[in-house]
Amino acid sequence: TGVRPNPWGPDHLETVLSCLHTILDEEWSHLR
């Protein structure tokens, strides 16, 4: 539930869960 700044828009905060979803989705897509 922690938040981090979005690397492309540091004024916009993202949850750690959202960041992990992005990483895992990207990994899955690259594998496909």
PDB file of all heavy atoms in Angstrom:
ATOM      1  N   THR A   1       0.821  -1.219   0.000  1.00  0.00           N
ATOM      2  CA  THR A   1       0.000   0.000   0.000  1.00  0.00           C
ATOM      3  C   THR A   1       0.852   1.264   0.000  1.00  0.00           C
ATOM      4  O   THR A   1       0.316   2.365  -0.155  1.00  0.00           O
ATOM      5  CB  THR A   1      -0.954   0.036   1.210  1.00  0.00           C
ATOM      6  OG1 THR A   1      -0.187   0.047   2.409  1.00  0.00           O
ATOM      7  CG2 THR A   1      -1.906  -1.151   1.203  1.00  0.00           C
ATOM      8  N   GLY A   2       2.169   1.115   0.153  1.00  0.00           N
ATOM      9  CA  GLY A   2       3.057   2.271   0.102  1.00  0.00           C
ATOM     10  C   GLY A   2       2.995   2.942  -1.261  1.00  0.00           C
ATOM     11  O   GLY A   2       2.575   2.336  -2.249  1.00  0.00           O
ATOM     12  N   VAL A   3       3.392   4.189  -1.342  1.00  0.00           N
ATOM     13  CA  VAL A   3       3.346   4.918  -2.609  1.00  0.00           C
ATOM     14  C   VAL A   3       4.746   5.352  -3.030  1.00  0.00           C
ATOM     15  O   VAL A   3       5.626   5.568  -2.190  1.00  0.00           O
ATOM     16  CB  VAL A   3       2.413   6.143  -2.535  1.00  0.00           C
ATOM     17  CG1 VAL A   3       0.966   5.712  -2.352  1.00  0.00           C
ATOM     18  CG2 VAL A   3       2.813   7.086  -1.419  1.00  0.00           C
ATOM     19  N   ARG A   4       4.911   5.440  -4.316  1.00  0.00           N
ATOM     20  CA  ARG A   4       6.160   5.885  -4.928  1.00  0.00           C
ATOM     21  C   ARG A   4       5.808   6.829  -6.066  1.00  0.00           C
ATOM     22  O   ARG A   4       4.748   6.705  -6.675  1.00  0.00           O
ATOM     23  CB  ARG A   4       6.949   4.702  -5.512  1.00  0.00           C
ATOM     24  CG  ARG A   4       7.279   3.601  -4.521  1.00  0.00           C
ATOM     25  CD  ARG A   4       8.336   4.058  -3.515  1.00  0.00           C
ATOM     26  NE  ARG A   4       8.749   3.006  -2.633  1.00  0.00           N
ATOM     27  CZ  ARG A   4       8.165   2.711  -1.472  1.00  0.00           C
ATOM     28  NH1 ARG A   4       7.116   3.382  -1.071  1.00  0.00           N
ATOM     29  NH2 ARG A   4       8.627   1.745  -0.708  1.00  0.00           N
ATOM     30  N   PRO A   5       6.715   7.765  -6.399  1.00  0.00           N
ATOM     31  CA  PRO A   5       6.439   8.641  -7.535  1.00  0.00           C
ATOM     32  C   PRO A   5       6.516   7.859  -8.846  1.00  0.00           C
ATOM     33  O   PRO A   5       7.356   6.977  -8.999  1.00  0.00           O
ATOM     34  CB  PRO A   5       7.539   9.699  -7.464  1.00  0.00           C
ATOM     35  CG  PRO A   5       8.620   9.084  -6.649  1.00  0.00           C
ATOM     36  CD  PRO A   5       7.962   8.087  -5.726  1.00  0.00           C
ATOM     37  N   ASN A   6       5.629   8.172  -9.744  1.00  0.00           N
ATOM     38  CA  ASN A   6       5.666   7.583 -11.072  1.00  0.00           C
ATOM     39  C   ASN A   6       6.913   8.116 -11.785  1.00  0.00           C
ATOM     40  O   ASN A   6       7.120   9.325 -11.839  1.00  0.00           O
ATOM     41  CB  ASN A   6       4.404   7.984 -11.841  1.00  0.00           C
ATOM     42  CG  ASN A   6       4.331   7.376 -13.207  1.00  0.00           C
ATOM     43  OD1 ASN A   6       5.274   7.457 -13.977  1.00  0.00           O
ATOM     44  ND2 ASN A   6       3.197   6.790 -13.517  1.00  0.00           N
ATOM     45  N   PRO A   7       7.768   7.241 -12.345  1.00  0.00           N
ATOM     46  CA  PRO A   7       9.010   7.726 -12.957  1.00  0.00           C
ATOM     47  C   PRO A   7       8.780   8.653 -14.148  1.00  0.00           C
ATOM     48  O   PRO A   7       9.621   9.473 -14.464  1.00  0.00           O
ATOM     49  CB  PRO A   7       9.744   6.456 -13.382  1.00  0.00           C
ATOM     50  CG  PRO A   7       8.764   5.363 -13.288  1.00  0.00           C
ATOM     51  CD  PRO A   7       7.657   5.793 -12.380  1.00  0.00           C
ATOM     52  N   TRP A   8       7.641   8.541 -14.811  1.00  0.00           N
ATOM     53  CA  TRP A   8       7.361   9.391 -15.970  1.00  0.00           C
ATOM     54  C   TRP A   8       6.583  10.631 -15.581  1.00  0.00           C
ATOM     55  O   TRP A   8       6.436  11.553 -16.389  1.00  0.00           O
ATOM     56  CB  TRP A   8       6.622   8.609 -17.042  1.00  0.00           C
ATOM     57  CG  TRP A   8       7.371   7.377 -17.423  1.00  0.00           C
ATOM     58  CD1 TRP A   8       6.992   6.090 -17.186  1.00  0.00           C
ATOM     59  CD2 TRP A   8       8.652   7.302 -18.042  1.00  0.00           C
ATOM     60  NE1 TRP A   8       7.952   5.224 -17.633  1.00  0.00           N
ATOM     61  CE2 TRP A   8       8.983   5.951 -18.161  1.00  0.00           C
ATOM     62  CE3 TRP A   8       9.556   8.254 -18.500  1.00  0.00           C
ATOM     63  CZ2 TRP A   8      10.170   5.515 -18.731  1.00  0.00           C
ATOM     64  CZ3 TRP A   8      10.747   7.818 -19.071  1.00  0.00           C
ATOM     65  CH2 TRP A   8      11.040   6.468 -19.181  1.00  0.00           C
ATOM     66  N   GLY A   9       6.045  10.649 -14.377  1.00  0.00           N
ATOM     67  CA  GLY A   9       5.303  11.802 -13.873  1.00  0.00           C
ATOM     68  C   GLY A   9       5.426  11.840 -12.373  1.00  0.00           C
ATOM     69  O   GLY A   9       4.516  11.414 -11.664  1.00  0.00           O
ATOM     70  N   PRO A  10       6.570  12.328 -11.855  1.00  0.00           N
ATOM     71  CA  PRO A  10       6.850  12.264 -10.418  1.00  0.00           C
ATOM     72  C   PRO A  10       5.797  12.920  -9.527  1.00  0.00           C
ATOM     73  O   PRO A  10       5.727  12.616  -8.343  1.00  0.00           O
ATOM     74  CB  PRO A  10       8.197  12.968 -10.282  1.00  0.00           C
ATOM     75  CG  PRO A  10       8.821  12.878 -11.625  1.00  0.00           C
ATOM     76  CD  PRO A  10       7.688  12.889 -12.610  1.00  0.00           C
ATOM     77  N   ASP A  11       4.967  13.790 -10.084  1.00  0.00           N
ATOM     78  CA  ASP A  11       3.898  14.392  -9.283  1.00  0.00           C
ATOM     79  C   ASP A  11       2.752  13.417  -9.038  1.00  0.00           C
ATOM     80  O   ASP A  11       1.899  13.665  -8.196  1.00  0.00           O
ATOM     81  CB  ASP A  11       3.358  15.650  -9.961  1.00  0.00           C
ATOM     82  CG  ASP A  11       4.394  16.768  -9.999  1.00  0.00           C
ATOM     83  OD1 ASP A  11       5.336  16.727  -9.167  1.00  0.00           O
ATOM     84  OD2 ASP A  11       4.262  17.668 -10.844  1.00  0.00           O
ATOM     85  N   HIS A  12       2.726  12.322  -9.789  1.00  0.00           N
ATOM     86  CA  HIS A  12       1.680  11.314  -9.650  1.00  0.00           C
ATOM     87  C   HIS A  12       2.231  10.125  -8.872  1.00  0.00           C
ATOM     88  O   HIS A  12       3.237   9.539  -9.250  1.00  0.00           O
ATOM     89  CB  HIS A  12       1.182  10.855 -11.026  1.00  0.00           C
ATOM     90  CG  HIS A  12       0.647  11.965 -11.848  1.00  0.00           C
ATOM     91  ND1 HIS A  12      -0.586  12.536 -11.612  1.00  0.00           N
ATOM     92  CD2 HIS A  12       1.183  12.638 -12.885  1.00  0.00           C
ATOM     93  CE1 HIS A  12      -0.783  13.503 -12.479  1.00  0.00           C
ATOM     94  NE2 HIS A  12       0.283  13.591 -13.273  1.00  0.00           N
ATOM     95  N   LEU A  13       1.578   9.790  -7.798  1.00  0.00           N
ATOM     96  CA  LEU A  13       2.029   8.681  -6.955  1.00  0.00           C
ATOM     97  C   LEU A  13       1.355   7.384  -7.376  1.00  0.00           C
ATOM     98  O   LEU A  13       0.191   7.378  -7.777  1.00  0.00           O
ATOM     99  CB  LEU A  13       1.741   8.985  -5.492  1.00  0.00           C
ATOM    100  CG  LEU A  13       2.435  10.229  -4.922  1.00  0.00           C
ATOM    101  CD1 LEU A  13       2.043  10.439  -3.476  1.00  0.00           C
ATOM    102  CD2 LEU A  13       3.944  10.100  -5.053  1.00  0.00           C
ATOM    103  N   GLU A  14       2.100   6.301  -7.284  1.00  0.00           N
ATOM    104  CA  GLU A  14       1.607   4.957  -7.588  1.00  0.00           C
ATOM    105  C   GLU A  14       1.824   4.085  -6.364  1.00  0.00           C
ATOM    106  O   GLU A  14       2.814   4.244  -5.658  1.00  0.00           O
ATOM    107  CB  GLU A  14       2.376   4.344  -8.760  1.00  0.00           C
ATOM    108  CG  GLU A  14       2.395   5.158 -10.030  1.00  0.00           C
ATOM    109  CD  GLU A  14       1.084   5.119 -10.785  1.00  0.00           C
ATOM    110  OE1 GLU A  14       0.243   4.246 -10.479  1.00  0.00           O
ATOM    111  OE2 GLU A  14       0.898   5.965 -11.670  1.00  0.00           O
ATOM    112  N   THR A  15       0.926   3.144  -6.129  1.00  0.00           N
ATOM    113  CA  THR A  15       1.156   2.211  -5.031  1.00  0.00           C
ATOM    114  C   THR A  15       2.226   1.203  -5.451  1.00  0.00           C
ATOM    115  O   THR A  15       2.441   0.958  -6.649  1.00  0.00           O
ATOM    116  CB  THR A  15      -0.122   1.443  -4.640  1.00  0.00           C
ATOM    117  OG1 THR A  15      -0.514   0.610  -5.742  1.00  0.00           O
ATOM    118  CG2 THR A  15      -1.241   2.384  -4.235  1.00  0.00           C
ATOM    119  N   VAL A  16       2.869   0.621  -4.469  1.00  0.00           N
ATOM    120  CA  VAL A  16       3.857  -0.421  -4.746  1.00  0.00           C
ATOM    121  C   VAL A  16       3.172  -1.576  -5.468  1.00  0.00           C
ATOM    122  O   VAL A  16       3.731  -2.149  -6.411  1.00  0.00           O
ATOM    123  CB  VAL A  16       4.541  -0.886  -3.440  1.00  0.00           C
ATOM    124  CG1 VAL A  16       5.416  -2.108  -3.679  1.00  0.00           C
ATOM    125  CG2 VAL A  16       5.344   0.260  -2.839  1.00  0.00           C
ATOM    126  N   LEU A  17       1.943  -1.892  -5.086  1.00  0.00           N
ATOM    127  CA  LEU A  17       1.193  -2.959  -5.752  1.00  0.00           C
ATOM    128  C   LEU A  17       1.007  -2.636  -7.232  1.00  0.00           C
ATOM    129  O   LEU A  17       1.198  -3.499  -8.097  1.00  0.00           O
ATOM    130  CB  LEU A  17      -0.164  -3.164  -5.078  1.00  0.00           C
ATOM    131  CG  LEU A  17      -1.043  -4.258  -5.685  1.00  0.00           C
ATOM    132  CD1 LEU A  17      -0.359  -5.615  -5.620  1.00  0.00           C
ATOM    133  CD2 LEU A  17      -2.386  -4.287  -4.974  1.00  0.00           C
ATOM    134  N   SER A  18       0.663  -1.403  -7.539  1.00  0.00           N
ATOM    135  CA  SER A  18       0.503  -0.993  -8.935  1.00  0.00           C
ATOM    136  C   SER A  18       1.822  -1.133  -9.693  1.00  0.00           C
ATOM    137  O   SER A  18       1.844  -1.584 -10.845  1.00  0.00           O
ATOM    138  CB  SER A  18      -0.001   0.447  -9.008  1.00  0.00           C
ATOM    139  OG  SER A  18      -0.034   0.903 -10.334  1.00  0.00           O
ATOM    140  N   CYS A  19       2.920  -0.765  -9.065  1.00  0.00           N
ATOM    141  CA  CYS A  19       4.244  -0.900  -9.694  1.00  0.00           C
ATOM    142  C   CYS A  19       4.561  -2.363  -9.975  1.00  0.00           C
ATOM    143  O   CYS A  19       5.052  -2.709 -11.058  1.00  0.00           O
ATOM    144  CB  CYS A  19       5.319  -0.290  -8.808  1.00  0.00           C
ATOM    145  SG  CYS A  19       5.151   1.490  -8.564  1.00  0.00           S
ATOM    146  N   LEU A  20       4.277  -3.227  -9.010  1.00  0.00           N
ATOM    147  CA  LEU A  20       4.523  -4.658  -9.207  1.00  0.00           C
ATOM    148  C   LEU A  20       3.642  -5.220 -10.317  1.00  0.00           C
ATOM    149  O   LEU A  20       4.095  -6.037 -11.114  1.00  0.00           O
ATOM    150  CB  LEU A  20       4.304  -5.432  -7.909  1.00  0.00           C
ATOM    151  CG  LEU A  20       5.403  -5.280  -6.870  1.00  0.00           C
ATOM    152  CD1 LEU A  20       4.992  -5.931  -5.552  1.00  0.00           C
ATOM    153  CD2 LEU A  20       6.710  -5.854  -7.367  1.00  0.00           C
ATOM    154  N   HIS A  21       2.390  -4.773 -10.379  1.00  0.00           N
ATOM    155  CA  HIS A  21       1.508  -5.210 -11.468  1.00  0.00           C
ATOM    156  C   HIS A  21       2.105  -4.831 -12.817  1.00  0.00           C
ATOM    157  O   HIS A  21       2.081  -5.634 -13.763  1.00  0.00           O
ATOM    158  CB  HIS A  21       0.120  -4.596 -11.327  1.00  0.00           C
ATOM    159  CG  HIS A  21      -0.740  -5.288 -10.335  1.00  0.00           C
ATOM    160  ND1 HIS A  21      -1.958  -4.790  -9.932  1.00  0.00           N
ATOM    161  CD2 HIS A  21      -0.586  -6.445  -9.646  1.00  0.00           C
ATOM    162  CE1 HIS A  21      -2.502  -5.593  -9.056  1.00  0.00           C
ATOM    163  NE2 HIS A  21      -1.689  -6.609  -8.854  1.00  0.00           N
ATOM    164  N   THR A  22       2.644  -3.632 -12.921  1.00  0.00           N
ATOM    165  CA  THR A  22       3.251  -3.184 -14.175  1.00  0.00           C
ATOM    166  C   THR A  22       4.444  -4.062 -14.547  1.00  0.00           C
ATOM    167  O   THR A  22       4.567  -4.514 -15.690  1.00  0.00           O
ATOM    168  CB  THR A  22       3.685  -1.711 -14.071  1.00  0.00           C
ATOM    169  OG1 THR A  22       2.530  -0.901 -13.820  1.00  0.00           O
ATOM    170  CG2 THR A  22       4.375  -1.244 -15.342  1.00  0.00           C
ATOM    171  N   ILE A  23       5.312  -4.315 -13.583  1.00  0.00           N
ATOM    172  CA  ILE A  23       6.496  -5.140 -13.843  1.00  0.00           C
ATOM    173  C   ILE A  23       6.094  -6.546 -14.286  1.00  0.00           C
ATOM    174  O   ILE A  23       6.608  -7.074 -15.283  1.00  0.00           O
ATOM    175  CB  ILE A  23       7.393  -5.219 -12.581  1.00  0.00           C
ATOM    176  CG1 ILE A  23       8.018  -3.853 -12.307  1.00  0.00           C
ATOM    177  CG2 ILE A  23       8.456  -6.303 -12.721  1.00  0.00           C
ATOM    178  CD1 ILE A  23       8.669  -3.747 -10.942  1.00  0.00           C
ATOM    179  N   LEU A  24       5.161  -7.155 -13.569  1.00  0.00           N
ATOM    180  CA  LEU A  24       4.756  -8.524 -13.893  1.00  0.00           C
ATOM    181  C   LEU A  24       4.009  -8.594 -15.213  1.00  0.00           C
ATOM    182  O   LEU A  24       4.173  -9.543 -15.995  1.00  0.00           O
ATOM    183  CB  LEU A  24       3.936  -9.115 -12.750  1.00  0.00           C
ATOM    184  CG  LEU A  24       4.712  -9.271 -11.436  1.00  0.00           C
ATOM    185  CD1 LEU A  24       3.791  -9.731 -10.318  1.00  0.00           C
ATOM    186  CD2 LEU A  24       5.902 -10.201 -11.593  1.00  0.00           C
ATOM    187  N   ASP A  25       3.184  -7.589 -15.506  1.00  0.00           N
ATOM    188  CA  ASP A  25       2.467  -7.543 -16.779  1.00  0.00           C
ATOM    189  C   ASP A  25       3.457  -7.394 -17.935  1.00  0.00           C
ATOM    190  O   ASP A  25       3.320  -8.059 -18.967  1.00  0.00           O
ATOM    191  CB  ASP A  25       1.463  -6.394 -16.783  1.00  0.00           C
ATOM    192  CG  ASP A  25       0.646  -6.364 -18.059  1.00  0.00           C
ATOM    193  OD1 ASP A  25       0.023  -7.402 -18.385  1.00  0.00           O
ATOM    194  OD2 ASP A  25       0.642  -5.315 -18.743  1.00  0.00           O
ATOM    195  N   GLU A  26       4.455  -6.533 -17.769  1.00  0.00           N
ATOM    196  CA  GLU A  26       5.475  -6.361 -18.807  1.00  0.00           C
ATOM    197  C   GLU A  26       6.241  -7.666 -19.033  1.00  0.00           C
ATOM    198  O   GLU A  26       6.498  -8.057 -20.177  1.00  0.00           O
ATOM    199  CB  GLU A  26       6.455  -5.253 -18.413  1.00  0.00           C
ATOM    200  CG  GLU A  26       5.878  -3.870 -18.507  1.00  0.00           C
ATOM    201  CD  GLU A  26       5.702  -3.397 -19.934  1.00  0.00           C
ATOM    202  OE1 GLU A  26       6.578  -3.684 -20.777  1.00  0.00           O
ATOM    203  OE2 GLU A  26       4.681  -2.747 -20.219  1.00  0.00           O
ATOM    204  N   GLU A  27       6.604  -8.328 -17.961  1.00  0.00           N
ATOM    205  CA  GLU A  27       7.345  -9.587 -18.072  1.00  0.00           C
ATOM    206  C   GLU A  27       6.508 -10.633 -18.808  1.00  0.00           C
ATOM    207  O   GLU A  27       6.998 -11.339 -19.695  1.00  0.00           O
ATOM    208  CB  GLU A  27       7.732 -10.085 -16.677  1.00  0.00           C
ATOM    209  CG  GLU A  27       8.631 -11.278 -16.671  1.00  0.00           C
ATOM    210  CD  GLU A  27      10.036 -11.008 -17.186  1.00  0.00           C
ATOM    211  OE1 GLU A  27      10.454  -9.844 -17.272  1.00  0.00           O
ATOM    212  OE2 GLU A  27      10.726 -11.992 -17.525  1.00  0.00           O
ATOM    213  N   TRP A  28       5.236 -10.727 -18.453  1.00  0.00           N
ATOM    214  CA  TRP A  28       4.332 -11.681 -19.102  1.00  0.00           C
ATOM    215  C   TRP A  28       4.201 -11.366 -20.584  1.00  0.00           C
ATOM    216  O   TRP A  28       4.258 -12.255 -21.444  1.00  0.00           O
ATOM    217  CB  TRP A  28       2.971 -11.649 -18.414  1.00  0.00           C
ATOM    218  CG  TRP A  28       1.985 -12.596 -19.004  1.00  0.00           C
ATOM    219  CD1 TRP A  28       0.942 -12.291 -19.828  1.00  0.00           C
ATOM    220  CD2 TRP A  28       1.937 -14.022 -18.830  1.00  0.00           C
ATOM    221  NE1 TRP A  28       0.262 -13.428 -20.181  1.00  0.00           N
ATOM    222  CE2 TRP A  28       0.856 -14.499 -19.575  1.00  0.00           C
ATOM    223  CE3 TRP A  28       2.728 -14.917 -18.115  1.00  0.00           C
ATOM    224  CZ2 TRP A  28       0.530 -15.846 -19.640  1.00  0.00           C
ATOM    225  CZ3 TRP A  28       2.390 -16.263 -18.176  1.00  0.00           C
ATOM    226  CH2 TRP A  28       1.306 -16.703 -18.923  1.00  0.00           C
ATOM    227  N   SER A  29       4.037 -10.091 -20.916  1.00  0.00           N
ATOM    228  CA  SER A  29       3.890  -9.687 -22.316  1.00  0.00           C
ATOM    229  C   SER A  29       5.153  -9.996 -23.111  1.00  0.00           C
ATOM    230  O   SER A  29       5.074 -10.496 -24.242  1.00  0.00           O
ATOM    231  CB  SER A  29       3.568  -8.192 -22.421  1.00  0.00           C
ATOM    232  OG  SER A  29       2.303  -7.929 -21.863  1.00  0.00           O
ATOM    233  N   HIS A  30       6.309  -9.713 -22.543  1.00  0.00           N
ATOM    234  CA  HIS A  30       7.559 -10.012 -23.246  1.00  0.00           C
ATOM    235  C   HIS A  30       7.703 -11.514 -23.485  1.00  0.00           C
ATOM    236  O   HIS A  30       8.147 -11.932 -24.564  1.00  0.00           O
ATOM    237  CB  HIS A  30       8.768  -9.486 -22.467  1.00  0.00           C
ATOM    238  CG  HIS A  30       8.933  -8.009 -22.571  1.00  0.00           C
ATOM    239  ND1 HIS A  30       9.383  -7.391 -23.709  1.00  0.00           N
ATOM    240  CD2 HIS A  30       8.695  -7.019 -21.692  1.00  0.00           C
ATOM    241  CE1 HIS A  30       9.419  -6.082 -23.526  1.00  0.00           C
ATOM    242  NE2 HIS A  30       9.005  -5.832 -22.306  1.00  0.00           N
ATOM    243  N   LEU A  31       7.323 -12.322 -22.518  1.00  0.00           N
ATOM    244  CA  LEU A  31       7.382 -13.772 -22.688  1.00  0.00           C
ATOM    245  C   LEU A  31       6.456 -14.211 -23.819  1.00  0.00           C
ATOM    246  O   LEU A  31       6.841 -15.005 -24.683  1.00  0.00           O
ATOM    247  CB  LEU A  31       7.017 -14.480 -21.383  1.00  0.00           C
ATOM    248  CG  LEU A  31       6.923 -16.007 -21.470  1.00  0.00           C
ATOM    249  CD1 LEU A  31       8.272 -16.615 -21.821  1.00  0.00           C
ATOM    250  CD2 LEU A  31       6.389 -16.575 -20.171  1.00  0.00           C
ATOM    251  N   ARG A  32       5.229 -13.701 -23.818  1.00  0.00           N
ATOM    252  CA  ARG A  32       4.269 -14.058 -24.873  1.00  0.00           C
ATOM    253  C   ARG A  32       4.810 -13.712 -26.256  1.00  0.00           C
ATOM    254  O   ARG A  32       4.735 -14.517 -27.187  1.00  0.00           O
ATOM    255  CB  ARG A  32       2.934 -13.341 -24.660  1.00  0.00           C
ATOM    256  CG  ARG A  32       2.111 -13.899 -23.518  1.00  0.00           C
ATOM    257  CD  ARG A  32       0.776 -13.172 -23.324  1.00  0.00           C
ATOM    258  NE  ARG A  32       0.097 -12.935 -24.570  1.00  0.00           N
ATOM    259  CZ  ARG A  32      -0.345 -11.723 -24.969  1.00  0.00           C
ATOM    260  NH1 ARG A  32      -0.182 -10.666 -24.224  1.00  0.00           N
ATOM    261  NH2 ARG A  32      -0.970 -11.586 -26.116  1.00  0.00           N
TER     262      ARG A  32
END
